[in-house]
N, C-alpha and C. Protein backbone atom coordinates (compact mmCIF):
# COMPACT_ATOMS: atom_id res chain seq x y z
N MET A 1 48.37 119.98 115.24
CA MET A 1 49.60 119.97 114.50
C MET A 1 50.67 119.20 115.29
N ILE A 2 51.29 118.24 114.64
CA ILE A 2 52.34 117.43 115.27
C ILE A 2 53.67 117.96 114.75
N SER A 3 54.54 118.28 115.67
CA SER A 3 55.85 118.77 115.22
C SER A 3 56.83 117.62 115.08
N LYS A 4 57.62 117.70 114.03
CA LYS A 4 58.65 116.69 113.77
C LYS A 4 60.00 117.28 114.14
N PRO A 5 60.90 116.46 114.61
CA PRO A 5 62.24 116.98 114.86
C PRO A 5 62.86 117.43 113.54
N LEU A 6 63.70 118.45 113.60
CA LEU A 6 64.34 118.97 112.40
C LEU A 6 65.26 117.94 111.77
N HIS A 7 65.97 117.19 112.60
CA HIS A 7 66.82 116.13 112.06
C HIS A 7 66.92 115.03 113.10
N THR A 8 67.20 113.85 112.62
CA THR A 8 67.34 112.74 113.56
C THR A 8 68.80 112.28 113.54
N THR A 9 69.30 112.06 114.71
CA THR A 9 70.69 111.59 114.83
C THR A 9 70.67 110.25 115.54
N LYS A 10 71.30 109.29 114.92
CA LYS A 10 71.39 107.99 115.57
C LYS A 10 72.55 108.04 116.57
N MET A 11 72.27 107.61 117.76
CA MET A 11 73.30 107.55 118.78
C MET A 11 74.12 106.28 118.55
N PRO A 12 75.43 106.39 118.69
CA PRO A 12 76.25 105.19 118.50
C PRO A 12 75.94 104.17 119.59
N VAL A 13 75.90 102.92 119.19
CA VAL A 13 75.66 101.84 120.14
C VAL A 13 77.01 101.40 120.69
N PRO A 14 77.16 101.39 122.00
CA PRO A 14 78.44 100.96 122.56
C PRO A 14 78.77 99.53 122.14
N SER A 15 80.00 99.31 121.79
CA SER A 15 80.43 98.00 121.36
C SER A 15 80.58 97.08 122.57
N GLN A 16 80.35 95.81 122.34
CA GLN A 16 80.59 94.82 123.38
C GLN A 16 82.08 94.72 123.67
N ARG A 17 82.90 95.05 122.68
CA ARG A 17 84.36 94.97 122.81
C ARG A 17 84.95 96.33 122.44
N PRO A 18 85.04 97.25 123.42
CA PRO A 18 85.49 98.61 123.10
C PRO A 18 86.87 98.69 122.47
N ALA A 19 87.73 97.70 122.69
CA ALA A 19 89.07 97.73 122.10
C ALA A 19 89.01 97.69 120.58
N LEU A 20 87.90 97.20 120.02
CA LEU A 20 87.79 97.14 118.56
C LEU A 20 87.47 98.50 117.95
N ASN A 21 87.12 99.47 118.78
CA ASN A 21 86.77 100.81 118.30
C ASN A 21 87.93 101.78 118.32
N ARG A 22 89.13 101.31 118.66
CA ARG A 22 90.30 102.18 118.73
C ARG A 22 91.47 101.50 118.02
N PRO A 23 92.45 102.30 117.63
CA PRO A 23 93.64 101.68 117.02
C PRO A 23 94.36 100.81 118.05
N PRO A 24 95.02 99.74 117.62
CA PRO A 24 95.74 98.88 118.57
C PRO A 24 96.92 99.62 119.20
N THR A 25 97.21 99.27 120.44
CA THR A 25 98.36 99.85 121.13
C THR A 25 99.64 99.21 120.60
N ALA A 26 100.79 99.80 120.92
CA ALA A 26 102.07 99.25 120.48
C ALA A 26 102.23 97.82 120.98
N GLU A 27 101.83 97.57 122.21
CA GLU A 27 101.93 96.22 122.78
C GLU A 27 101.07 95.23 121.99
N GLU A 28 99.88 95.65 121.57
CA GLU A 28 99.00 94.78 120.81
C GLU A 28 99.51 94.53 119.39
N ARG A 29 100.28 95.46 118.83
CA ARG A 29 100.82 95.31 117.47
C ARG A 29 102.05 94.41 117.43
N ARG A 30 102.69 94.17 118.54
CA ARG A 30 103.93 93.38 118.55
C ARG A 30 103.70 92.00 117.96
N ARG A 31 104.70 91.53 117.23
CA ARG A 31 104.63 90.19 116.66
C ARG A 31 104.84 89.12 117.73
N ALA A 32 105.65 89.45 118.75
CA ALA A 32 105.99 88.48 119.77
C ALA A 32 106.12 89.17 121.13
N GLN A 33 105.85 88.41 122.17
CA GLN A 33 106.00 88.95 123.51
C GLN A 33 107.47 89.19 123.81
N ARG A 34 107.73 90.24 124.59
CA ARG A 34 109.10 90.57 124.99
C ARG A 34 109.30 90.20 126.45
N VAL A 35 110.52 89.76 126.76
CA VAL A 35 110.88 89.39 128.12
C VAL A 35 112.15 90.13 128.49
N LEU A 36 112.14 90.78 129.66
CA LEU A 36 113.32 91.47 130.17
C LEU A 36 114.29 90.41 130.65
N LEU A 37 115.43 90.26 129.96
CA LEU A 37 116.35 89.17 130.25
C LEU A 37 117.76 89.54 129.81
N ARG A 38 118.72 89.40 130.72
CA ARG A 38 120.11 89.73 130.41
C ARG A 38 120.88 88.45 130.10
N ILE A 39 121.24 88.29 128.84
CA ILE A 39 121.97 87.11 128.37
C ILE A 39 123.20 87.58 127.62
N ALA A 40 124.34 86.95 127.89
CA ALA A 40 125.57 87.26 127.15
C ALA A 40 125.42 86.74 125.71
N VAL A 41 125.78 87.59 124.75
CA VAL A 41 125.74 87.21 123.34
C VAL A 41 127.04 87.62 122.66
N ARG A 42 127.32 86.96 121.55
CA ARG A 42 128.46 87.30 120.71
C ARG A 42 127.92 87.64 119.33
N ILE A 43 128.36 88.77 118.80
CA ILE A 43 127.92 89.23 117.47
C ILE A 43 129.09 89.04 116.51
N TYR A 44 128.82 88.36 115.39
CA TYR A 44 129.84 88.17 114.34
C TYR A 44 129.42 88.99 113.13
N ALA A 45 130.11 90.12 112.94
CA ALA A 45 129.75 91.02 111.83
C ALA A 45 131.01 91.64 111.25
N ALA A 46 131.06 91.72 109.94
CA ALA A 46 132.15 92.41 109.23
C ALA A 46 133.53 91.99 109.75
N ASN A 47 133.77 90.69 109.80
CA ASN A 47 135.07 90.14 110.21
C ASN A 47 135.50 90.56 111.61
N LYS A 48 134.53 90.87 112.49
CA LYS A 48 134.89 91.14 113.87
C LYS A 48 133.89 90.48 114.80
N THR A 49 134.34 90.20 116.01
CA THR A 49 133.50 89.59 117.02
C THR A 49 133.26 90.63 118.11
N ILE A 50 131.99 90.80 118.49
CA ILE A 50 131.62 91.82 119.47
C ILE A 50 130.92 91.13 120.64
N GLU A 51 131.41 91.35 121.85
CA GLU A 51 130.77 90.84 123.06
C GLU A 51 129.69 91.83 123.47
N ALA A 52 128.50 91.33 123.79
CA ALA A 52 127.38 92.20 124.16
C ALA A 52 126.44 91.40 125.07
N PHE A 53 125.31 92.00 125.42
CA PHE A 53 124.31 91.30 126.21
C PHE A 53 122.94 91.85 125.87
N THR A 54 121.92 91.08 126.21
CA THR A 54 120.56 91.47 125.86
C THR A 54 119.96 92.38 126.92
N HIS A 55 119.02 93.19 126.48
CA HIS A 55 118.18 94.00 127.37
C HIS A 55 116.82 93.32 127.47
N THR A 56 116.20 93.05 126.31
CA THR A 56 114.96 92.29 126.22
C THR A 56 115.09 91.30 125.08
N VAL A 57 114.33 90.21 125.18
CA VAL A 57 114.36 89.19 124.13
C VAL A 57 112.93 88.84 123.72
N SER A 58 112.80 88.33 122.50
CA SER A 58 111.51 87.83 122.01
C SER A 58 111.80 86.69 121.05
N ALA A 59 110.75 86.03 120.59
CA ALA A 59 110.91 84.92 119.65
C ALA A 59 111.44 85.40 118.30
N SER A 60 111.29 86.70 118.01
CA SER A 60 111.71 87.21 116.70
C SER A 60 112.93 88.12 116.75
N GLY A 61 113.57 88.27 117.93
CA GLY A 61 114.76 89.12 118.01
C GLY A 61 115.07 89.53 119.43
N ALA A 62 115.68 90.73 119.55
CA ALA A 62 116.07 91.22 120.88
C ALA A 62 116.47 92.68 120.80
N MET A 63 116.59 93.28 121.96
CA MET A 63 117.23 94.58 122.10
C MET A 63 118.58 94.26 122.74
N ILE A 64 119.66 94.56 122.02
CA ILE A 64 121.01 94.22 122.47
C ILE A 64 121.71 95.48 122.96
N ILE A 65 122.44 95.36 124.06
CA ILE A 65 123.23 96.48 124.56
C ILE A 65 124.67 96.25 124.13
N MET A 66 125.20 97.21 123.36
CA MET A 66 126.56 97.11 122.81
C MET A 66 127.35 98.37 123.13
N ARG A 67 128.67 98.23 123.27
CA ARG A 67 129.51 99.42 123.49
C ARG A 67 129.49 100.32 122.27
N GLU A 68 129.67 99.70 121.10
CA GLU A 68 129.65 100.45 119.83
C GLU A 68 128.53 99.88 118.98
N PRO A 69 127.59 100.72 118.54
CA PRO A 69 126.44 100.20 117.79
C PRO A 69 126.79 99.79 116.37
N LEU A 70 125.96 98.95 115.81
CA LEU A 70 126.03 98.61 114.39
C LEU A 70 124.97 99.43 113.67
N PRO A 71 125.22 99.87 112.45
CA PRO A 71 124.23 100.67 111.72
C PRO A 71 122.98 99.87 111.36
N GLU A 72 121.88 100.57 111.21
CA GLU A 72 120.62 99.96 110.80
C GLU A 72 120.84 99.19 109.49
N GLY A 73 120.25 98.00 109.41
CA GLY A 73 120.37 97.18 108.21
C GLY A 73 121.53 96.21 108.21
N THR A 74 122.48 96.36 109.13
CA THR A 74 123.64 95.47 109.19
C THR A 74 123.19 94.04 109.45
N LYS A 75 123.67 93.11 108.62
CA LYS A 75 123.37 91.68 108.82
C LYS A 75 124.54 91.05 109.56
N PHE A 76 124.22 90.11 110.46
CA PHE A 76 125.25 89.49 111.28
C PHE A 76 124.73 88.17 111.83
N THR A 77 125.63 87.43 112.47
CA THR A 77 125.27 86.21 113.19
C THR A 77 125.34 86.52 114.67
N ILE A 78 124.32 86.09 115.42
CA ILE A 78 124.31 86.29 116.86
C ILE A 78 124.41 84.92 117.53
N GLU A 79 125.25 84.83 118.55
CA GLU A 79 125.43 83.59 119.29
C GLU A 79 124.97 83.77 120.73
N ASN A 80 124.16 82.84 121.21
CA ASN A 80 123.80 82.78 122.62
C ASN A 80 124.99 82.10 123.30
N VAL A 81 125.76 82.85 124.10
CA VAL A 81 127.00 82.33 124.68
C VAL A 81 126.74 81.11 125.55
N LYS A 82 125.64 81.11 126.29
CA LYS A 82 125.33 80.00 127.20
C LYS A 82 125.05 78.70 126.46
N THR A 83 124.24 78.76 125.39
CA THR A 83 123.85 77.55 124.66
C THR A 83 124.71 77.30 123.42
N GLN A 84 125.47 78.28 123.00
CA GLN A 84 126.29 78.27 121.78
C GLN A 84 125.45 78.16 120.51
N ALA A 85 124.14 78.40 120.62
CA ALA A 85 123.27 78.42 119.44
C ALA A 85 123.53 79.71 118.66
N LYS A 86 123.40 79.65 117.34
CA LYS A 86 123.62 80.82 116.48
C LYS A 86 122.44 81.00 115.53
N VAL A 87 122.10 82.26 115.25
CA VAL A 87 121.07 82.57 114.25
C VAL A 87 121.51 83.80 113.46
N GLU A 88 120.98 83.90 112.25
CA GLU A 88 121.23 85.07 111.42
C GLU A 88 120.26 86.17 111.83
N ALA A 89 120.75 87.42 111.83
CA ALA A 89 119.92 88.54 112.25
C ALA A 89 120.35 89.80 111.51
N ARG A 90 119.60 90.88 111.77
CA ARG A 90 119.95 92.18 111.21
C ARG A 90 119.53 93.26 112.19
N VAL A 91 120.16 94.43 112.10
CA VAL A 91 119.76 95.58 112.92
C VAL A 91 118.50 96.14 112.29
N ALA A 92 117.40 96.12 113.07
CA ALA A 92 116.08 96.47 112.53
C ALA A 92 115.81 97.97 112.43
N ARG A 93 116.33 98.73 113.38
CA ARG A 93 116.10 100.19 113.43
C ARG A 93 117.37 100.87 113.92
N PRO A 94 117.45 102.18 113.84
CA PRO A 94 118.65 102.86 114.33
C PRO A 94 118.86 102.62 115.83
N PRO A 95 120.10 102.38 116.24
CA PRO A 95 120.40 102.20 117.67
C PRO A 95 120.12 103.49 118.44
N GLN A 96 119.87 103.33 119.74
CA GLN A 96 119.62 104.47 120.62
C GLN A 96 120.64 104.46 121.75
N PRO A 97 121.20 105.62 122.10
CA PRO A 97 122.16 105.66 123.20
C PRO A 97 121.47 105.38 124.54
N SER A 98 122.19 104.73 125.45
CA SER A 98 121.69 104.49 126.80
C SER A 98 122.86 104.62 127.77
N SER A 99 122.58 104.57 129.04
CA SER A 99 123.64 104.71 130.04
C SER A 99 124.61 103.53 130.03
N GLU A 100 124.17 102.39 129.49
CA GLU A 100 125.02 101.20 129.46
C GLU A 100 125.74 101.00 128.12
N GLY A 101 125.43 101.81 127.14
CA GLY A 101 125.98 101.65 125.79
C GLY A 101 124.90 102.02 124.80
N SER A 102 124.88 101.32 123.68
CA SER A 102 123.84 101.56 122.67
C SER A 102 122.82 100.44 122.70
N LEU A 103 121.54 100.81 122.66
CA LEU A 103 120.47 99.82 122.54
C LEU A 103 120.25 99.56 121.05
N VAL A 104 120.53 98.34 120.63
CA VAL A 104 120.47 97.98 119.22
C VAL A 104 119.33 96.98 119.01
N PRO A 105 118.26 97.39 118.31
CA PRO A 105 117.15 96.48 118.05
C PRO A 105 117.49 95.52 116.92
N VAL A 106 117.47 94.22 117.21
CA VAL A 106 117.81 93.23 116.20
C VAL A 106 116.63 92.32 115.92
N GLU A 107 116.56 91.87 114.68
CA GLU A 107 115.47 91.00 114.22
C GLU A 107 116.10 89.76 113.60
N PHE A 108 115.63 88.58 114.00
CA PHE A 108 116.12 87.34 113.42
C PHE A 108 115.65 87.22 111.97
N ALA A 109 116.44 86.55 111.14
CA ALA A 109 116.05 86.32 109.75
C ALA A 109 114.76 85.49 109.71
N THR A 110 114.61 84.54 110.63
CA THR A 110 113.38 83.77 110.80
C THR A 110 113.10 83.66 112.29
N PRO A 111 111.83 83.67 112.70
CA PRO A 111 111.54 83.56 114.13
C PRO A 111 112.21 82.33 114.73
N SER A 112 112.82 82.51 115.89
CA SER A 112 113.55 81.43 116.56
C SER A 112 113.20 81.41 118.04
N PRO A 113 111.98 80.96 118.39
CA PRO A 113 111.52 81.03 119.77
C PRO A 113 112.37 80.23 120.76
N LYS A 114 113.10 79.22 120.30
CA LYS A 114 113.91 78.40 121.21
C LYS A 114 115.32 78.95 121.41
N PHE A 115 115.72 79.95 120.64
CA PHE A 115 117.09 80.48 120.69
C PHE A 115 117.48 80.97 122.08
N TRP A 116 116.57 81.64 122.77
CA TRP A 116 116.90 82.22 124.08
C TRP A 116 116.73 81.23 125.22
N ASN A 117 116.25 80.03 124.92
CA ASN A 117 116.03 79.01 125.95
C ASN A 117 115.00 79.50 126.98
N VAL A 118 113.96 80.20 126.46
CA VAL A 118 112.88 80.76 127.27
C VAL A 118 111.57 80.32 126.64
N PHE A 119 110.56 80.04 127.47
CA PHE A 119 109.24 79.69 126.95
C PHE A 119 108.45 80.97 126.73
N PHE A 120 107.97 81.19 125.50
CA PHE A 120 107.12 82.34 125.18
C PHE A 120 105.69 81.84 125.02
N PRO A 121 104.77 82.26 125.92
CA PRO A 121 103.38 81.82 125.76
C PRO A 121 102.80 82.33 124.45
N PRO A 122 101.77 81.65 123.92
CA PRO A 122 101.17 82.13 122.68
C PRO A 122 100.57 83.52 122.85
N SER A 123 100.59 84.29 121.78
CA SER A 123 100.04 85.63 121.81
C SER A 123 98.52 85.57 121.97
N VAL A 124 97.97 86.53 122.72
CA VAL A 124 96.53 86.57 122.96
C VAL A 124 95.81 87.37 121.89
N ASN A 125 96.55 88.11 121.04
CA ASN A 125 95.94 89.00 120.04
C ASN A 125 95.18 88.22 119.04
């Protein structure tokens, strides 16, 4: 009499690329690389001019440090004080308080990789 196993279970075969078996990390989901860079900027919103500076920058926006935050969804023009270049942007998410002021995440209306005068290498994703 030959006994048969009660059930057969297939063992998973390890993937050649284990990263494909897990959800992507926040860094992997980013549209653009971020660079820690402090640049003076001017924000033109609601008939007022606000002096601020960057915390991090990317080809598609920045994290701006401001004394008084702008509400999520606010559309404005941002000027790179050094180059005097301007682009249209909006507050992408609610600002967060920090020791230097409010961290305001901004997104450009269209990607502008040359706005910060920084070279962003192509994404590896």
